[in-house]
């Protein structure tokens, strides 16, 4: 875990952060949701969102002295107290799990945050959470507890969400009898780019990438019998991951 953090380029790769801004926003929102779950579990609501959950899961627990020393040396060079806390927490959490400490059956608190770090570095906290390419609101504990879970964390899925993701994007699922919203025929996205809102319609195809489609334009003209419904980006990610697994026979590694 410490080596994974050492591989992060915290301050220099602004282009990478911008290119991955959509997945980074989703991953940060999922971290906020998971952190809210653990804060509620341990009565640590006042410490949410950027805290060391290991301090509450196993008070008094300490990793091996050599690891503890390396960890403190590393986090001392990170830019903000918030980043230091969550990086310390991620490593201590991994050590706690390795030690076999019993934990509630809740999702790993730091997994989405670590993935986000690897896709363009850290964050800063102002009125919003600045991810260096996009800013998202903090929300509050309750709103994050009730947020839609984002569980499609495979790098291949995140890459598809980021691919060509310029402009304001809406997602749609093609539905019909036997193909409900939860298991549609396919998905599409519409991108509105620039001040003139130039429109680009794309379908996620069996080639496992976004390709141009005329479906939405033909539907508007009454030339398509297959219906559609607008879906969330989280739902789109779940379809992408499921289709990738189906066509490759390999479950994407998270």
C-alpha atoms as a PDB file:
ATOM      1  CA  UNK A   1       0.000   0.000   0.000  1.00  0.00           C
ATOM      2  CA  UNK A   2       2.813   2.404   0.834  1.00  0.00           C
ATOM      3  CA  UNK A   3       4.510   1.612  -2.473  1.00  0.00           C
ATOM      4  CA  UNK A   4       1.246   2.314  -4.284  1.00  0.00           C
ATOM      5  CA  UNK A   5       1.152   5.751  -2.695  1.00  0.00           C
ATOM      6  CA  UNK A   6       4.799   6.385  -3.512  1.00  0.00           C
ATOM      7  CA  UNK A   7       3.964   5.843  -7.193  1.00  0.00           C
ATOM      8  CA  UNK A   8       1.479   8.742  -7.193  1.00  0.00           C
ATOM      9  CA  UNK A   9       2.523  11.952  -8.934  1.00  0.00           C
ATOM     10  CA  UNK A  10       0.916  14.328  -6.458  1.00  0.00           C
ATOM     11  CA  UNK A  11       1.638  17.676  -8.006  1.00  0.00           C
ATOM     12  CA  UNK A  12       2.919  17.477 -11.575  1.00  0.00           C
ATOM     13  CA  UNK A  13       0.503  15.615 -13.865  1.00  0.00           C
ATOM     14  CA  UNK A  14      -2.242  18.178 -14.417  1.00  0.00           C
ATOM     15  CA  UNK A  15      -3.020  16.848 -17.910  1.00  0.00           C
ATOM     16  CA  UNK A  16      -3.571  13.341 -16.538  1.00  0.00           C
ATOM     17  CA  UNK A  17      -5.860  14.675 -13.828  1.00  0.00           C
ATOM     18  CA  UNK A  18      -7.876  16.629 -16.384  1.00  0.00           C
ATOM     19  CA  UNK A  19      -8.124  13.678 -18.773  1.00  0.00           C
ATOM     20  CA  UNK A  20      -9.480  11.538 -15.942  1.00  0.00           C
ATOM     21  CA  UNK A  21     -11.682  14.184 -14.382  1.00  0.00           C
ATOM     22  CA  UNK A  22     -14.948  12.246 -14.787  1.00  0.00           C
ATOM     23  CA  UNK A  23     -13.674   9.045 -13.189  1.00  0.00           C
ATOM     24  CA  UNK A  24     -11.848  11.014 -10.496  1.00  0.00           C
ATOM     25  CA  UNK A  25     -15.086  12.782  -9.575  1.00  0.00           C
ATOM     26  CA  UNK A  26     -16.951   9.471  -9.374  1.00  0.00           C
ATOM     27  CA  UNK A  27     -14.207   7.925  -7.254  1.00  0.00           C
ATOM     28  CA  UNK A  28     -14.119  10.870  -4.857  1.00  0.00           C
ATOM     29  CA  UNK A  29     -17.903  10.730  -4.465  1.00  0.00           C
ATOM     30  CA  UNK A  30     -17.674   7.014  -3.724  1.00  0.00           C
ATOM     31  CA  UNK A  31     -14.966   7.687  -1.134  1.00  0.00           C
ATOM     32  CA  UNK A  32     -17.190  10.297   0.534  1.00  0.00           C
ATOM     33  CA  UNK A  33     -20.027   7.750   0.649  1.00  0.00           C
ATOM     34  CA  UNK A  34     -17.860   4.986   2.118  1.00  0.00           C
ATOM     35  CA  UNK A  35     -16.232   7.335   4.599  1.00  0.00           C
ATOM     36  CA  UNK A  36     -19.724   8.350   5.746  1.00  0.00           C
ATOM     37  CA  UNK A  37     -20.630   4.687   6.295  1.00  0.00           C
ATOM     38  CA  UNK A  38     -17.551   4.099   8.452  1.00  0.00           C
ATOM     39  CA  UNK A  39     -17.956   7.384  10.311  1.00  0.00           C
ATOM     40  CA  UNK A  40     -21.530   6.416  11.196  1.00  0.00           C
ATOM     41  CA  UNK A  41     -20.416   2.899  12.194  1.00  0.00           C
ATOM     42  CA  UNK A  42     -17.819   4.204  14.641  1.00  0.00           C
ATOM     43  CA  UNK A  43     -19.562   7.357  15.845  1.00  0.00           C
ATOM     44  CA  UNK A  44     -16.911   9.482  14.147  1.00  0.00           C
ATOM     45  CA  UNK A  45     -19.299  11.778  12.273  1.00  0.00           C
ATOM     46  CA  UNK A  46     -17.404  14.889  13.375  1.00  0.00           C
ATOM     47  CA  UNK A  47     -14.200  13.566  11.752  1.00  0.00           C
ATOM     48  CA  UNK A  48     -15.812  12.887   8.351  1.00  0.00           C
ATOM     49  CA  UNK A  49     -14.825  12.942   5.543  1.00  0.00           C
ATOM     50  CA  UNK A  50     -11.000  12.797   5.516  1.00  0.00           C
ATOM     51  CA  UNK A  51     -10.008  10.765   8.543  1.00  0.00           C
ATOM     52  CA  UNK A  52      -8.029   7.711   9.676  1.00  0.00           C
ATOM     53  CA  UNK A  53     -10.662   5.021  10.188  1.00  0.00           C
ATOM     54  CA  UNK A  54      -8.111   2.639  11.721  1.00  0.00           C
ATOM     55  CA  UNK A  55      -7.989   4.786  14.858  1.00  0.00           C
ATOM     56  CA  UNK A  56     -11.643   3.934  15.474  1.00  0.00           C
ATOM     57  CA  UNK A  57     -11.624   0.347  14.172  1.00  0.00           C
ATOM     58  CA  UNK A  58      -8.807  -0.728  16.475  1.00  0.00           C
ATOM     59  CA  UNK A  59      -7.800   1.899  19.049  1.00  0.00           C
ATOM     60  CA  UNK A  60      -4.184   1.439  20.066  1.00  0.00           C
ATOM     61  CA  UNK A  61      -3.285  -0.618  16.995  1.00  0.00           C
ATOM     62  CA  UNK A  62       0.142   0.104  15.545  1.00  0.00           C
ATOM     63  CA  UNK A  63       1.743  -1.420  12.430  1.00  0.00           C
ATOM     64  CA  UNK A  64       5.233  -2.891  12.537  1.00  0.00           C
ATOM     65  CA  UNK A  65       7.750  -0.283  13.735  1.00  0.00           C
ATOM     66  CA  UNK A  66       9.692  -0.248  10.448  1.00  0.00           C
ATOM     67  CA  UNK A  67       6.512   0.336   8.422  1.00  0.00           C
ATOM     68  CA  UNK A  68       5.307   2.980  10.871  1.00  0.00           C
ATOM     69  CA  UNK A  69       8.591   4.877  10.551  1.00  0.00           C
ATOM     70  CA  UNK A  70       8.557   4.704   6.733  1.00  0.00           C
ATOM     71  CA  UNK A  71       4.939   5.814   6.673  1.00  0.00           C
ATOM     72  CA  UNK A  72       5.523   8.872   8.860  1.00  0.00           C
ATOM     73  CA  UNK A  73       8.557   9.838   6.784  1.00  0.00           C
ATOM     74  CA  UNK A  74       6.501   9.608   3.604  1.00  0.00           C
ATOM     75  CA  UNK A  75       3.367  11.461   4.714  1.00  0.00           C
ATOM     76  CA  UNK A  76       5.432  14.269   6.243  1.00  0.00           C
ATOM     77  CA  UNK A  77       6.246  15.377   2.687  1.00  0.00           C
ATOM     78  CA  UNK A  78       2.640  15.474   1.484  1.00  0.00           C
ATOM     79  CA  UNK A  79       1.109  18.854   0.967  1.00  0.00           C
ATOM     80  CA  UNK A  80      -1.962  19.059   3.189  1.00  0.00           C
ATOM     81  CA  UNK A  81      -3.017  17.662   6.574  1.00  0.00           C
ATOM     82  CA  UNK A  82      -6.076  16.132   4.901  1.00  0.00           C
ATOM     83  CA  UNK A  83      -3.982  14.173   2.409  1.00  0.00           C
ATOM     84  CA  UNK A  84      -1.605  13.114   5.174  1.00  0.00           C
ATOM     85  CA  UNK A  85      -4.500  11.766   7.261  1.00  0.00           C
ATOM     86  CA  UNK A  86      -6.080   9.660   4.522  1.00  0.00           C
ATOM     87  CA  UNK A  87      -2.756   8.300   3.245  1.00  0.00           C
ATOM     88  CA  UNK A  88      -1.739   7.359   6.770  1.00  0.00           C
ATOM     89  CA  UNK A  89      -5.175   5.842   7.231  1.00  0.00           C
ATOM     90  CA  UNK A  90      -4.958   3.791   4.017  1.00  0.00           C
ATOM     91  CA  UNK A  91      -1.642   2.214   4.971  1.00  0.00           C
ATOM     92  CA  UNK A  92      -2.669   1.586   8.577  1.00  0.00           C
ATOM     93  CA  UNK A  93      -5.959   0.104   7.341  1.00  0.00           C
ATOM     94  CA  UNK A  94      -4.078  -2.339   5.096  1.00  0.00           C
ATOM     95  CA  UNK A  95      -1.826  -3.297   8.027  1.00  0.00           C
ATOM     96  CA  UNK A  96      -4.856  -3.740  10.263  1.00  0.00           C
ATOM     97  CA  UNK A  97      -6.482  -6.084   7.732  1.00  0.00           C
ATOM     98  CA  UNK A  98      -3.235  -8.024   7.344  1.00  0.00           C
ATOM     99  CA  UNK A  99      -3.143  -8.470  11.104  1.00  0.00           C
ATOM    100  CA  UNK A 100      -6.558 -10.129  10.927  1.00  0.00           C
ATOM    101  CA  UNK A 101      -8.434  -7.566  12.989  1.00  0.00           C
ATOM    102  CA  UNK A 102     -12.173  -8.214  12.723  1.00  0.00           C
ATOM    103  CA  UNK A 103     -14.087  -5.475  10.920  1.00  0.00           C
ATOM    104  CA  UNK A 104     -17.728  -4.774  10.072  1.00  0.00           C
ATOM    105  CA  UNK A 105     -18.896  -5.901   6.640  1.00  0.00           C
ATOM    106  CA  UNK A 106     -18.655  -2.516   4.954  1.00  0.00           C
ATOM    107  CA  UNK A 107     -16.770  -1.621   1.746  1.00  0.00           C
ATOM    108  CA  UNK A 108     -13.089  -0.726   2.026  1.00  0.00           C
ATOM    109  CA  UNK A 109     -13.033   2.993   2.857  1.00  0.00           C
ATOM    110  CA  UNK A 110      -9.880   3.890   0.964  1.00  0.00           C
ATOM    111  CA  UNK A 111     -10.124   1.830  -2.251  1.00  0.00           C
ATOM    112  CA  UNK A 112     -11.797   4.516  -4.421  1.00  0.00           C
ATOM    113  CA  UNK A 113      -9.543   7.262  -3.071  1.00  0.00           C
ATOM    114  CA  UNK A 114      -6.392   5.281  -3.908  1.00  0.00           C
ATOM    115  CA  UNK A 115      -7.676   4.677  -7.434  1.00  0.00           C
ATOM    116  CA  UNK A 116      -8.372   8.395  -7.759  1.00  0.00           C
ATOM    117  CA  UNK A 117      -4.840   9.272  -6.646  1.00  0.00           C
ATOM    118  CA  UNK A 118      -3.431   6.998  -9.336  1.00  0.00           C
ATOM    119  CA  UNK A 119      -5.496   8.738 -12.016  1.00  0.00           C
ATOM    120  CA  UNK A 120      -3.995  12.185 -11.568  1.00  0.00           C
ATOM    121  CA  UNK A 121      -2.854  12.910  -8.032  1.00  0.00           C
ATOM    122  CA  UNK A 122      -4.536  14.462  -5.039  1.00  0.00           C
ATOM    123  CA  UNK A 123      -7.056  17.147  -4.219  1.00  0.00           C
ATOM    124  CA  UNK A 124      -7.413  20.381  -2.326  1.00  0.00           C
ATOM    125  CA  UNK A 125     -10.222  21.556  -0.096  1.00  0.00           C
ATOM    126  CA  UNK A 126     -11.861  24.917  -0.504  1.00  0.00           C
ATOM    127  CA  UNK A 127     -15.566  25.738  -0.752  1.00  0.00           C
ATOM    128  CA  UNK A 128     -15.620  22.676  -3.029  1.00  0.00           C
ATOM    129  CA  UNK A 129     -13.285  19.685  -3.344  1.00  0.00           C
ATOM    130  CA  UNK A 130     -10.893  20.592  -6.149  1.00  0.00           C
ATOM    131  CA  UNK A 131      -9.724  17.569  -8.151  1.00  0.00           C
ATOM    132  CA  UNK A 132      -7.589  19.633 -10.577  1.00  0.00           C
ATOM    133  CA  UNK A 133      -9.881  19.335 -13.557  1.00  0.00           C
ATOM    134  CA  UNK A 134     -13.257  19.367 -11.839  1.00  0.00           C
ATOM    135  CA  UNK A 135     -14.678  20.529  -8.520  1.00  0.00           C
ATOM    136  CA  UNK A 136     -17.382  18.688  -6.588  1.00  0.00           C
ATOM    137  CA  UNK A 137     -19.404  19.706  -3.531  1.00  0.00           C
ATOM    138  CA  UNK A 138     -18.709  18.170  -0.135  1.00  0.00           C
ATOM    139  CA  UNK A 139     -22.344  17.512   0.608  1.00  0.00           C
ATOM    140  CA  UNK A 140     -23.001  16.401   4.169  1.00  0.00           C
ATOM    141  CA  UNK A 141     -22.903  13.105   5.982  1.00  0.00           C
ATOM    142  CA  UNK A 142     -26.551  12.268   5.334  1.00  0.00           C
ATOM    143  CA  UNK A 143     -26.479  13.125   1.637  1.00  0.00           C
ATOM    144  CA  UNK A 144     -23.406  10.954   1.174  1.00  0.00           C
ATOM    145  CA  UNK A 145     -24.887   8.068   3.147  1.00  0.00           C
ATOM    146  CA  UNK A 146     -27.805   8.145   0.722  1.00  0.00           C
ATOM    147  CA  UNK A 147     -25.706   8.576  -2.433  1.00  0.00           C
ATOM    148  CA  UNK A 148     -25.907   6.030  -5.255  1.00  0.00           C
ATOM    149  CA  UNK A 149     -23.052   3.519  -4.770  1.00  0.00           C
ATOM    150  CA  UNK A 150     -20.388   3.496  -7.470  1.00  0.00           C
ATOM    151  CA  UNK A 151     -19.052  -0.051  -7.562  1.00  0.00           C
ATOM    152  CA  UNK A 152     -17.617  -0.285 -11.101  1.00  0.00           C
ATOM    153  CA  UNK A 153     -14.005   0.388 -10.159  1.00  0.00           C
ATOM    154  CA  UNK A 154     -12.126  -1.585 -12.826  1.00  0.00           C
ATOM    155  CA  UNK A 155      -9.523   0.617 -14.550  1.00  0.00           C
ATOM    156  CA  UNK A 156     -10.876  -0.477 -17.952  1.00  0.00           C
ATOM    157  CA  UNK A 157     -14.342   0.808 -17.006  1.00  0.00           C
ATOM    158  CA  UNK A 158     -12.954   4.079 -15.692  1.00  0.00           C
ATOM    159  CA  UNK A 159     -10.953   4.522 -18.901  1.00  0.00           C
ATOM    160  CA  UNK A 160     -14.107   4.133 -21.018  1.00  0.00           C
ATOM    161  CA  UNK A 161     -15.934   6.749 -18.940  1.00  0.00           C
ATOM    162  CA  UNK A 162     -13.034   9.167 -19.460  1.00  0.00           C
ATOM    163  CA  UNK A 163     -12.534   8.427 -23.164  1.00  0.00           C
ATOM    164  CA  UNK A 164     -13.413  11.471 -25.260  1.00  0.00           C
ATOM    165  CA  UNK A 165     -15.503  12.801 -22.365  1.00  0.00           C
ATOM    166  CA  UNK A 166     -15.570  16.424 -23.470  1.00  0.00           C
ATOM    167  CA  UNK A 167     -18.600  18.607 -22.897  1.00  0.00           C
ATOM    168  CA  UNK A 168     -21.831  18.111 -20.985  1.00  0.00           C
ATOM    169  CA  UNK A 169     -22.730  14.430 -21.106  1.00  0.00           C
ATOM    170  CA  UNK A 170     -26.038  12.604 -20.743  1.00  0.00           C
ATOM    171  CA  UNK A 171     -26.368   8.808 -20.777  1.00  0.00           C
ATOM    172  CA  UNK A 172     -29.239   6.713 -22.132  1.00  0.00           C
ATOM    173  CA  UNK A 173     -30.196   3.043 -22.018  1.00  0.00           C
ATOM    174  CA  UNK A 174     -31.979   1.344 -24.931  1.00  0.00           C
ATOM    175  CA  UNK A 175     -34.908  -0.584 -23.494  1.00  0.00           C
ATOM    176  CA  UNK A 176     -37.612  -2.892 -24.789  1.00  0.00           C
ATOM    177  CA  UNK A 177     -39.510  -6.006 -23.677  1.00  0.00           C
ATOM    178  CA  UNK A 178     -37.022  -8.270 -21.934  1.00  0.00           C
ATOM    179  CA  UNK A 179     -34.435  -5.483 -21.744  1.00  0.00           C
ATOM    180  CA  UNK A 180     -35.284  -3.298 -18.723  1.00  0.00           C
ATOM    181  CA  UNK A 181     -33.282  -0.335 -17.515  1.00  0.00           C
ATOM    182  CA  UNK A 182     -31.228  -2.611 -15.275  1.00  0.00           C
ATOM    183  CA  UNK A 183     -30.245  -4.823 -18.232  1.00  0.00           C
ATOM    184  CA  UNK A 184     -30.698  -2.768 -21.425  1.00  0.00           C
ATOM    185  CA  UNK A 185     -29.965  -3.601 -25.062  1.00  0.00           C
ATOM    186  CA  UNK A 186     -27.163  -1.049 -24.980  1.00  0.00           C
ATOM    187  CA  UNK A 187     -26.202   2.399 -23.791  1.00  0.00           C
ATOM    188  CA  UNK A 188     -25.473   5.706 -25.484  1.00  0.00           C
ATOM    189  CA  UNK A 189     -24.157   9.072 -24.497  1.00  0.00           C
ATOM    190  CA  UNK A 190     -24.878  12.537 -25.886  1.00  0.00           C
ATOM    191  CA  UNK A 191     -22.154  15.154 -25.545  1.00  0.00           C
ATOM    192  CA  UNK A 192     -22.915  18.860 -25.927  1.00  0.00           C
ATOM    193  CA  UNK A 193     -19.626  20.604 -26.642  1.00  0.00           C
ATOM    194  CA  UNK A 194     -18.785  24.305 -26.566  1.00  0.00           C
ATOM    195  CA  UNK A 195     -20.926  27.413 -26.304  1.00  0.00           C
ATOM    196  CA  UNK A 196     -22.894  26.361 -29.365  1.00  0.00           C
ATOM    197  CA  UNK A 197     -23.643  22.967 -27.788  1.00  0.00           C
ATOM    198  CA  UNK A 198     -22.435  21.011 -30.789  1.00  0.00           C
ATOM    199  CA  UNK A 199     -23.970  17.551 -30.451  1.00  0.00           C
ATOM    200  CA  UNK A 200     -22.097  14.252 -30.553  1.00  0.00           C
ATOM    201  CA  UNK A 201     -24.016  11.001 -30.076  1.00  0.00           C
ATOM    202  CA  UNK A 202     -22.068   7.828 -29.338  1.00  0.00           C
ATOM    203  CA  UNK A 203     -22.904   4.234 -28.453  1.00  0.00           C
ATOM    204  CA  UNK A 204     -20.811   1.872 -26.385  1.00  0.00           C
ATOM    205  CA  UNK A 205     -20.279  -0.965 -28.863  1.00  0.00           C
ATOM    206  CA  UNK A 206     -19.105  -4.556 -28.888  1.00  0.00           C
ATOM    207  CA  UNK A 207     -15.673  -3.135 -29.704  1.00  0.00           C
ATOM    208  CA  UNK A 208     -15.713  -1.901 -26.077  1.00  0.00           C
ATOM    209  CA  UNK A 209     -15.439   1.747 -27.018  1.00  0.00           C
ATOM    210  CA  UNK A 210     -17.620   4.738 -27.843  1.00  0.00           C
ATOM    211  CA  UNK A 211     -18.528   4.966 -31.536  1.00  0.00           C
ATOM    212  CA  UNK A 212     -20.786   7.450 -33.417  1.00  0.00           C
ATOM    213  CA  UNK A 213     -24.483   6.578 -33.612  1.00  0.00           C
ATOM    214  CA  UNK A 214     -27.542   8.075 -35.320  1.00  0.00           C
ATOM    215  CA  UNK A 215     -29.969   6.380 -32.932  1.00  0.00           C
ATOM    216  CA  UNK A 216     -31.094   9.467 -30.996  1.00  0.00           C
ATOM    217  CA  UNK A 217     -31.520  11.586 -34.126  1.00  0.00           C
ATOM    218  CA  UNK A 218     -33.478   8.845 -35.886  1.00  0.00           C
ATOM    219  CA  UNK A 219     -35.622   8.327 -32.792  1.00  0.00           C
ATOM    220  CA  UNK A 220     -36.478  12.028 -32.733  1.00  0.00           C
ATOM    221  CA  UNK A 221     -37.625  11.696 -36.361  1.00  0.00           C
ATOM    222  CA  UNK A 222     -39.797   8.673 -35.555  1.00  0.00           C
ATOM    223  CA  UNK A 223     -37.616   6.174 -37.398  1.00  0.00           C
ATOM    224  CA  UNK A 224     -36.681   3.901 -34.490  1.00  0.00           C
ATOM    225  CA  UNK A 225     -38.972   1.508 -32.599  1.00  0.00           C
ATOM    226  CA  UNK A 226     -36.538   0.800 -29.745  1.00  0.00           C
ATOM    227  CA  UNK A 227     -37.224   3.070 -26.790  1.00  0.00           C
ATOM    228  CA  UNK A 228     -34.700   4.617 -24.411  1.00  0.00           C
ATOM    229  CA  UNK A 229     -34.500   6.183 -20.972  1.00  0.00           C
ATOM    230  CA  UNK A 230     -31.966   8.542 -19.447  1.00  0.00           C
ATOM    231  CA  UNK A 231     -29.711   6.872 -16.869  1.00  0.00           C
ATOM    232  CA  UNK A 232     -27.001   7.953 -14.460  1.00  0.00           C
ATOM    233  CA  UNK A 233     -23.278   7.752 -15.093  1.00  0.00           C
ATOM    234  CA  UNK A 234     -23.104   5.099 -12.367  1.00  0.00           C
ATOM    235  CA  UNK A 235     -25.620   2.948 -14.265  1.00  0.00           C
ATOM    236  CA  UNK A 236     -23.660   3.463 -17.475  1.00  0.00           C
ATOM    237  CA  UNK A 237     -20.482   2.300 -15.743  1.00  0.00           C
ATOM    238  CA  UNK A 238     -22.204  -0.858 -14.494  1.00  0.00           C
ATOM    239  CA  UNK A 239     -23.297  -1.724 -18.053  1.00  0.00           C
ATOM    240  CA  UNK A 240     -19.802  -1.088 -19.428  1.00  0.00           C
ATOM    241  CA  UNK A 241     -18.263  -3.377 -16.832  1.00  0.00           C
ATOM    242  CA  UNK A 242     -20.852  -6.108 -17.386  1.00  0.00           C
ATOM    243  CA  UNK A 243     -20.487  -5.976 -21.171  1.00  0.00           C
ATOM    244  CA  UNK A 244     -16.697  -6.063 -20.913  1.00  0.00           C
ATOM    245  CA  UNK A 245     -16.867  -9.179 -18.762  1.00  0.00           C
ATOM    246  CA  UNK A 246     -19.405 -10.824 -21.105  1.00  0.00           C
ATOM    247  CA  UNK A 247     -17.416 -10.184 -24.290  1.00  0.00           C
ATOM    248  CA  UNK A 248     -13.948 -10.931 -22.936  1.00  0.00           C
ATOM    249  CA  UNK A 249     -14.801 -13.659 -20.463  1.00  0.00           C
ATOM    250  CA  UNK A 250     -12.585 -11.903 -17.976  1.00  0.00           C
ATOM    251  CA  UNK A 251     -13.873 -10.053 -14.967  1.00  0.00           C
ATOM    252  CA  UNK A 252     -12.170  -6.647 -15.002  1.00  0.00           C
ATOM    253  CA  UNK A 253      -9.692  -6.316 -12.181  1.00  0.00           C
ATOM    254  CA  UNK A 254     -10.456  -3.544  -9.727  1.00  0.00           C
END
